[in-house]
């Protein structure tokens, strides 16, 4: 009888164990929030005293590092273990463009929850009134392994849209 109970208990735990093994220590994208940000939105009071940008613990990546204004993708991640040298690949399709533009950023993702801002700044973005027609964001390991990805609805459906 005990063997049977042990077998039933192990059998009931198998799906949970399989799910845990499948997810491993990968990166999970909790949220990707795209929006235009003015340069002033990054200025905090401490910057007036020491002249250094205070990111509030967030990682801020910019396509043009000296330019703050731009179109940013706020990426909230969760990971059980830190990921050194992760690549954030961002592809955006601008309205009226025939093909997407690709931007790559390298960053370390700390264990736990973290916020990274990936910004298309300066000459890399047309202006405050422009929003991407579609976008795709991927987080890759140093060896190119896909860790996580998120995309806009229209990124998934361009083939369907062109069949009309």
Protein backbone atom coordinates (compact mmCIF):
# COMPACT_ATOMS: atom_id res chain seq x y z
CA UNK A 1 0.00 0.00 0.00
CA UNK A 2 2.82 2.42 0.85
CA UNK A 3 4.47 1.81 -2.51
CA UNK A 4 1.23 2.59 -4.27
CA UNK A 5 0.79 5.85 -2.33
CA UNK A 6 4.40 6.80 -3.06
CA UNK A 7 3.90 6.03 -6.76
CA UNK A 8 0.69 8.12 -6.88
CA UNK A 9 2.41 11.01 -5.08
CA UNK A 10 5.37 10.95 -7.48
CA UNK A 11 3.05 10.68 -10.47
CA UNK A 12 1.08 13.73 -9.33
CA UNK A 13 4.31 15.75 -8.96
CA UNK A 14 5.68 14.81 -12.39
CA UNK A 15 3.97 17.64 -14.37
CA UNK A 16 5.24 20.26 -11.91
CA UNK A 17 8.77 18.82 -12.04
CA UNK A 18 8.72 18.75 -15.83
CA UNK A 19 7.57 22.37 -15.99
CA UNK A 20 10.30 23.43 -13.57
CA UNK A 21 12.93 21.58 -15.58
CA UNK A 22 11.68 23.08 -18.85
CA UNK A 23 11.77 26.65 -17.55
CA UNK A 24 15.24 26.18 -16.00
CA UNK A 25 16.97 29.39 -15.01
CA UNK A 26 15.90 31.24 -18.15
CA UNK A 27 14.94 34.85 -18.56
CA UNK A 28 11.29 35.80 -18.38
CA UNK A 29 10.06 39.06 -19.89
CA UNK A 30 7.46 40.31 -17.44
CA UNK A 31 6.63 43.40 -19.48
CA UNK A 32 7.83 45.29 -22.52
CA UNK A 33 6.50 48.83 -22.61
CA UNK A 34 7.42 51.01 -25.63
CA UNK A 35 7.09 54.80 -25.39
CA UNK A 36 8.67 58.12 -26.36
CA UNK A 37 10.66 59.77 -23.56
CA UNK A 38 11.86 63.36 -23.52
CA UNK A 39 15.40 64.02 -22.32
CA UNK A 40 14.08 65.88 -19.27
CA UNK A 41 12.27 62.79 -18.00
CA UNK A 42 15.64 61.27 -17.09
CA UNK A 43 16.84 64.22 -15.00
CA UNK A 44 16.66 63.67 -11.23
CA UNK A 45 17.42 66.17 -8.50
CA UNK A 46 20.74 64.47 -7.64
CA UNK A 47 22.02 65.26 -11.14
CA UNK A 48 21.88 68.99 -10.37
CA UNK A 49 24.35 68.42 -7.51
CA UNK A 50 26.86 66.00 -9.00
CA UNK A 51 26.25 66.24 -12.77
CA UNK A 52 25.89 62.44 -13.11
CA UNK A 53 22.84 60.67 -14.49
CA UNK A 54 20.99 58.78 -11.76
CA UNK A 55 19.23 55.78 -13.30
CA UNK A 56 17.50 54.75 -10.09
CA UNK A 57 18.89 51.22 -10.32
CA UNK A 58 17.62 50.67 -13.85
CA UNK A 59 19.93 49.84 -16.73
CA UNK A 60 19.69 52.49 -19.45
CA UNK A 61 20.98 51.55 -22.90
CA UNK A 62 20.95 54.08 -25.74
CA UNK A 63 21.69 53.69 -29.43
CA UNK A 64 23.30 57.16 -29.29
CA UNK A 65 24.76 57.26 -25.73
CA UNK A 66 25.04 61.07 -25.55
CA UNK A 67 21.38 61.60 -26.53
CA UNK A 68 18.64 61.02 -23.96
CA UNK A 69 15.46 61.83 -25.89
CA UNK A 70 14.15 58.92 -27.88
CA UNK A 71 11.84 55.96 -28.24
CA UNK A 72 12.45 53.54 -25.36
CA UNK A 73 11.46 49.98 -24.66
CA UNK A 74 11.08 49.47 -20.92
CA UNK A 75 11.92 45.80 -20.42
CA UNK A 76 11.12 44.24 -17.05
CA UNK A 77 12.91 40.90 -16.67
CA UNK A 78 13.01 38.12 -14.10
CA UNK A 79 15.73 35.49 -13.95
CA UNK A 80 16.85 33.06 -11.25
CA UNK A 81 20.52 33.45 -12.09
CA UNK A 82 22.46 36.42 -13.43
CA UNK A 83 23.17 36.52 -17.17
CA UNK A 84 26.48 38.16 -18.06
CA UNK A 85 26.86 39.73 -21.49
CA UNK A 86 23.26 39.27 -22.61
CA UNK A 87 22.40 40.74 -26.00
CA UNK A 88 19.19 42.68 -26.40
CA UNK A 89 18.27 42.71 -30.08
CA UNK A 90 15.58 45.15 -31.05
CA UNK A 91 14.03 45.32 -34.51
CA UNK A 92 11.63 48.13 -35.36
CA UNK A 93 9.61 48.76 -38.46
CA UNK A 94 8.91 52.46 -38.95
CA UNK A 95 5.69 53.58 -40.66
CA UNK A 96 6.20 53.52 -44.42
CA UNK A 97 9.50 51.61 -44.24
CA UNK A 98 10.01 48.52 -46.39
CA UNK A 99 12.23 46.70 -43.91
CA UNK A 100 12.95 46.85 -40.17
CA UNK A 101 15.99 48.45 -38.56
CA UNK A 102 17.98 46.31 -36.11
CA UNK A 103 19.70 47.58 -32.96
CA UNK A 104 21.81 45.48 -30.60
CA UNK A 105 22.71 46.29 -27.00
CA UNK A 106 24.89 44.30 -24.60
CA UNK A 107 24.17 44.25 -20.87
CA UNK A 108 24.39 42.11 -17.76
CA UNK A 109 21.07 40.95 -16.32
CA UNK A 110 21.20 40.55 -12.55
CA UNK A 111 19.39 37.70 -10.81
CA UNK A 112 15.86 38.53 -9.73
CA UNK A 113 13.70 41.28 -11.17
CA UNK A 114 15.26 44.13 -13.10
CA UNK A 115 14.28 46.98 -15.42
CA UNK A 116 16.24 47.80 -18.56
CA UNK A 117 15.47 50.74 -20.84
CA UNK A 118 16.60 50.15 -24.43
CA UNK A 119 16.40 53.48 -26.23
CA UNK A 120 16.58 54.46 -29.87
CA UNK A 121 17.94 57.96 -29.49
CA UNK A 122 19.35 60.84 -31.50
CA UNK A 123 19.45 60.28 -35.26
CA UNK A 124 18.21 56.70 -34.77
CA UNK A 125 14.62 57.86 -34.12
CA UNK A 126 12.60 60.32 -36.24
CA UNK A 127 10.92 62.16 -33.35
CA UNK A 128 8.37 62.30 -30.56
CA UNK A 129 5.34 61.92 -32.84
CA UNK A 130 6.58 58.72 -34.49
CA UNK A 131 5.69 55.28 -33.14
CA UNK A 132 6.88 52.00 -34.66
CA UNK A 133 4.49 50.15 -36.94
CA UNK A 134 5.82 46.89 -35.47
CA UNK A 135 8.66 45.72 -33.22
CA UNK A 136 10.42 42.58 -32.03
CA UNK A 137 12.67 42.34 -28.96
CA UNK A 138 14.87 39.31 -28.20
CA UNK A 139 17.21 38.60 -25.30
CA UNK A 140 20.09 36.32 -26.29
CA UNK A 141 22.91 34.63 -24.39
CA UNK A 142 26.51 35.32 -25.41
CA UNK A 143 26.46 32.19 -27.59
CA UNK A 144 23.34 33.41 -29.44
CA UNK A 145 20.85 31.16 -27.63
CA UNK A 146 17.42 32.77 -27.43
CA UNK A 147 16.55 33.38 -23.77
CA UNK A 148 13.30 35.32 -24.21
CA UNK A 149 11.43 37.35 -26.79
CA UNK A 150 8.43 39.61 -27.15
CA UNK A 151 6.89 41.24 -30.20
CA UNK A 152 4.10 43.57 -31.11
CA UNK A 153 0.91 42.17 -32.59
CA UNK A 154 1.69 43.56 -36.02
CA UNK A 155 5.14 41.95 -36.02
CA UNK A 156 3.39 38.57 -35.92
CA UNK A 157 0.97 39.33 -38.71
CA UNK A 158 2.75 41.15 -41.56
CA UNK A 159 2.24 38.21 -43.95
CA UNK A 160 -1.49 38.17 -43.25
CA UNK A 161 -1.71 41.93 -43.78
CA UNK A 162 0.01 41.78 -47.18
CA UNK A 163 -2.22 38.98 -48.54
CA UNK A 164 -5.25 41.27 -48.94
